[in-house]
Structure formats: structure tokens, C-alpha cells
């Protein structure tokens, strides 16, 4: 069974495109965004194996069956569709997840850090510029 690996950057791009489509309710460009997650070589390999022989048509079929709710549901639908054509589809999410966790951890540590400049400010020593900005609202 042929295996198609979608690298970390392309996985992140497709997830962002799906998220944007869900949030905006606009799905017109999503098919081309999905197509862009594959390399030219992968597209050729896929088109040799899928029944229609046309990746664009296959993506349209997957999007038609998708309920439009979540990113993971669409990725699972794509996986099921390609599995039916004896293609294993792998999204590189492991590395992506580690990077996100590390970034979140660093942010949380910074936010809770008592050595942060915000905590060094003495009570009653407020920045006058901030007060002026607040009054303009």
C-alpha cells in the first residue's frame, strides 16, 4: 500500500486553511489549499491509484461528504477516502504538536513569572500614559 507523508509545514498550512474556512464559512479555496498540501510527485501517485484519476474531483467528493465542523473530521475523511483507494495518508502532527506545547509552556512560564516586569511595579505607581489612554474611551 503506497504511503503519502504530508510534512509538518504542509500539515500546519492545511490545518490553518481548514480552520479559516470554518471560521469564515467560505469553502471555495479550500479544495486548492488541500491540493497544495501534496507535492507534484504525490499528486501523480495519487491520481494513478484513485478511481476517478483526478485529485481535484476526489477532493471535491471529500469536501462534499464533510460536515464542515472540525479540522480533525476533514483530515479523517481524507484518510478514509484515500484508504479506500489503498493509499495510506500520514499528516506529520507529532513534531507540530511538540512545537506548540513548547511555545505554550514558555508563554505560560513567562506569564506566571514573578520576575516579570509587571510584578516589579510598586502599588500606586501606575503609568500616567495608560491612564490617558483609558480616558479617551
Protein backbone atom coordinates (compact mmCIF):
# COMPACT_ATOMS: atom_id res chain seq x y z
CA UNK A 1 0.00 0.00 0.00
CA UNK A 2 1.58 3.34 -1.04
CA UNK A 3 2.19 5.84 1.73
CA UNK A 4 1.80 9.61 1.34
CA UNK A 5 3.53 11.72 4.00
CA UNK A 6 2.50 15.33 4.47
CA UNK A 7 5.37 17.22 6.11
CA UNK A 8 5.00 19.42 9.18
CA UNK A 9 4.82 22.73 7.33
CA UNK A 10 2.21 21.49 4.86
CA UNK A 11 0.22 19.90 7.69
CA UNK A 12 0.21 23.21 9.55
CA UNK A 13 -0.82 25.05 6.35
CA UNK A 14 -3.73 22.72 5.61
CA UNK A 15 -4.96 22.86 9.20
CA UNK A 16 -4.86 26.65 9.10
CA UNK A 17 -6.71 26.72 5.77
CA UNK A 18 -9.42 24.43 7.13
CA UNK A 19 -9.72 26.49 10.32
CA UNK A 20 -10.01 29.70 8.31
CA UNK A 21 -12.70 28.15 6.10
CA UNK A 22 -14.70 27.01 9.11
CA UNK A 23 -14.45 30.40 10.81
CA UNK A 24 -15.30 32.37 7.65
CA UNK A 25 -17.85 29.95 6.26
CA UNK A 26 -16.11 30.20 2.88
CA UNK A 27 -15.00 26.93 1.36
CA UNK A 28 -14.29 27.93 -2.25
CA UNK A 29 -10.49 27.99 -1.91
CA UNK A 30 -10.27 25.01 0.44
CA UNK A 31 -10.02 22.46 -2.39
CA UNK A 32 -6.95 24.19 -3.82
CA UNK A 33 -5.47 24.53 -0.32
CA UNK A 34 -5.86 20.78 0.17
CA UNK A 35 -4.31 20.10 -3.22
CA UNK A 36 -1.36 22.30 -2.25
CA UNK A 37 -0.58 20.08 0.72
CA UNK A 38 0.64 17.43 -1.74
CA UNK A 39 3.83 17.55 -3.78
CA UNK A 40 3.62 17.13 -7.56
CA UNK A 41 5.03 13.61 -7.24
CA UNK A 42 2.42 12.70 -4.62
CA UNK A 43 -0.36 14.05 -6.85
CA UNK A 44 0.82 11.88 -9.74
CA UNK A 45 0.98 8.82 -7.48
CA UNK A 46 -2.48 9.50 -6.03
CA UNK A 47 -4.06 10.06 -9.45
CA UNK A 48 -2.71 6.71 -10.65
CA UNK A 49 -4.43 4.94 -7.76
CA UNK A 50 -7.76 6.67 -7.21
CA UNK A 51 -10.78 5.53 -9.18
CA UNK A 52 -11.54 8.85 -10.87
CA UNK A 53 -7.89 9.51 -11.72
CA UNK A 54 -8.42 13.16 -10.83
CA UNK A 55 -7.30 14.55 -7.47
CA UNK A 56 -9.44 17.68 -7.85
CA UNK A 57 -12.56 15.56 -8.23
CA UNK A 58 -11.54 13.38 -5.30
CA UNK A 59 -11.04 16.42 -3.06
CA UNK A 60 -14.42 17.79 -4.11
CA UNK A 61 -16.00 14.45 -3.15
CA UNK A 62 -14.33 14.52 0.27
CA UNK A 63 -15.44 18.12 0.88
CA UNK A 64 -19.00 17.30 -0.18
CA UNK A 65 -19.18 14.49 2.38
CA UNK A 66 -17.56 16.57 5.16
CA UNK A 67 -19.98 18.24 7.56
CA UNK A 68 -17.81 21.36 7.91
CA UNK A 69 -17.48 21.14 11.68
CA UNK A 70 -13.88 20.43 12.61
CA UNK A 71 -10.38 20.17 11.18
CA UNK A 72 -9.89 16.65 12.52
CA UNK A 73 -13.10 15.42 10.88
CA UNK A 74 -11.91 16.61 7.47
CA UNK A 75 -8.47 15.07 7.94
CA UNK A 76 -10.13 11.80 8.98
CA UNK A 77 -12.42 11.96 5.93
CA UNK A 78 -9.41 12.43 3.69
CA UNK A 79 -7.69 9.49 5.36
CA UNK A 80 -10.74 7.25 4.86
CA UNK A 81 -11.13 8.30 1.23
CA UNK A 82 -7.51 7.57 0.38
CA UNK A 83 -7.56 4.32 2.36
CA UNK A 84 -10.41 3.14 0.14
CA UNK A 85 -8.01 3.60 -2.78
CA UNK A 86 -5.28 1.70 -0.92
CA UNK A 87 -3.29 4.83 -0.08
CA UNK A 88 -2.08 5.46 3.44
CA UNK A 89 -2.11 9.17 4.23
CA UNK A 90 0.05 10.50 7.07
CA UNK A 91 -0.01 14.04 8.41
CA UNK A 92 3.12 14.97 10.33
CA UNK A 93 1.47 16.19 13.51
CA UNK A 94 3.89 14.83 16.11
CA UNK A 95 6.57 17.45 15.56
CA UNK A 96 3.98 20.17 15.14
CA UNK A 97 2.37 19.26 18.47
CA UNK A 98 5.71 19.35 20.29
CA UNK A 99 6.49 22.81 18.98
CA UNK A 100 3.09 24.10 20.08
CA UNK A 101 3.47 22.58 23.55
CA UNK A 102 6.91 24.12 23.97
CA UNK A 103 5.66 27.53 22.86
CA UNK A 104 2.66 27.31 25.18
CA UNK A 105 4.87 26.26 28.07
CA UNK A 106 7.27 29.14 27.53
CA UNK A 107 4.39 31.59 27.30
CA UNK A 108 2.75 30.24 30.45
CA UNK A 109 6.03 30.32 32.34
CA UNK A 110 6.60 33.92 31.28
CA UNK A 111 3.08 34.93 32.17
CA UNK A 112 3.31 33.44 35.68
CA UNK A 113 6.90 34.60 36.29
CA UNK A 114 7.10 36.78 39.41
CA UNK A 115 10.32 38.28 37.99
CA UNK A 116 8.30 39.69 35.10
CA UNK A 117 8.42 43.48 34.88
CA UNK A 118 4.68 43.75 35.55
CA UNK A 119 5.16 42.31 39.01
CA UNK A 120 8.06 44.66 39.85
CA UNK A 121 5.80 47.70 39.74
CA UNK A 122 5.04 49.11 43.18
CA UNK A 123 1.38 49.59 44.13
CA UNK A 124 0.25 53.11 43.32
CA UNK A 125 2.99 53.60 40.69
CA UNK A 126 0.84 53.46 37.62
CA UNK A 127 1.93 54.66 34.24
CA UNK A 128 0.25 58.02 33.52
CA UNK A 129 0.22 57.34 29.77
CA UNK A 130 -2.03 54.32 30.34
CA UNK A 131 -4.46 56.48 32.32
CA UNK A 132 -4.65 58.99 29.48
CA UNK A 133 -5.43 56.23 27.01
CA UNK A 134 -8.18 54.89 29.24
CA UNK A 135 -9.86 58.30 29.43
CA UNK A 136 -10.17 58.54 25.65
CA UNK A 137 -12.62 55.67 25.56
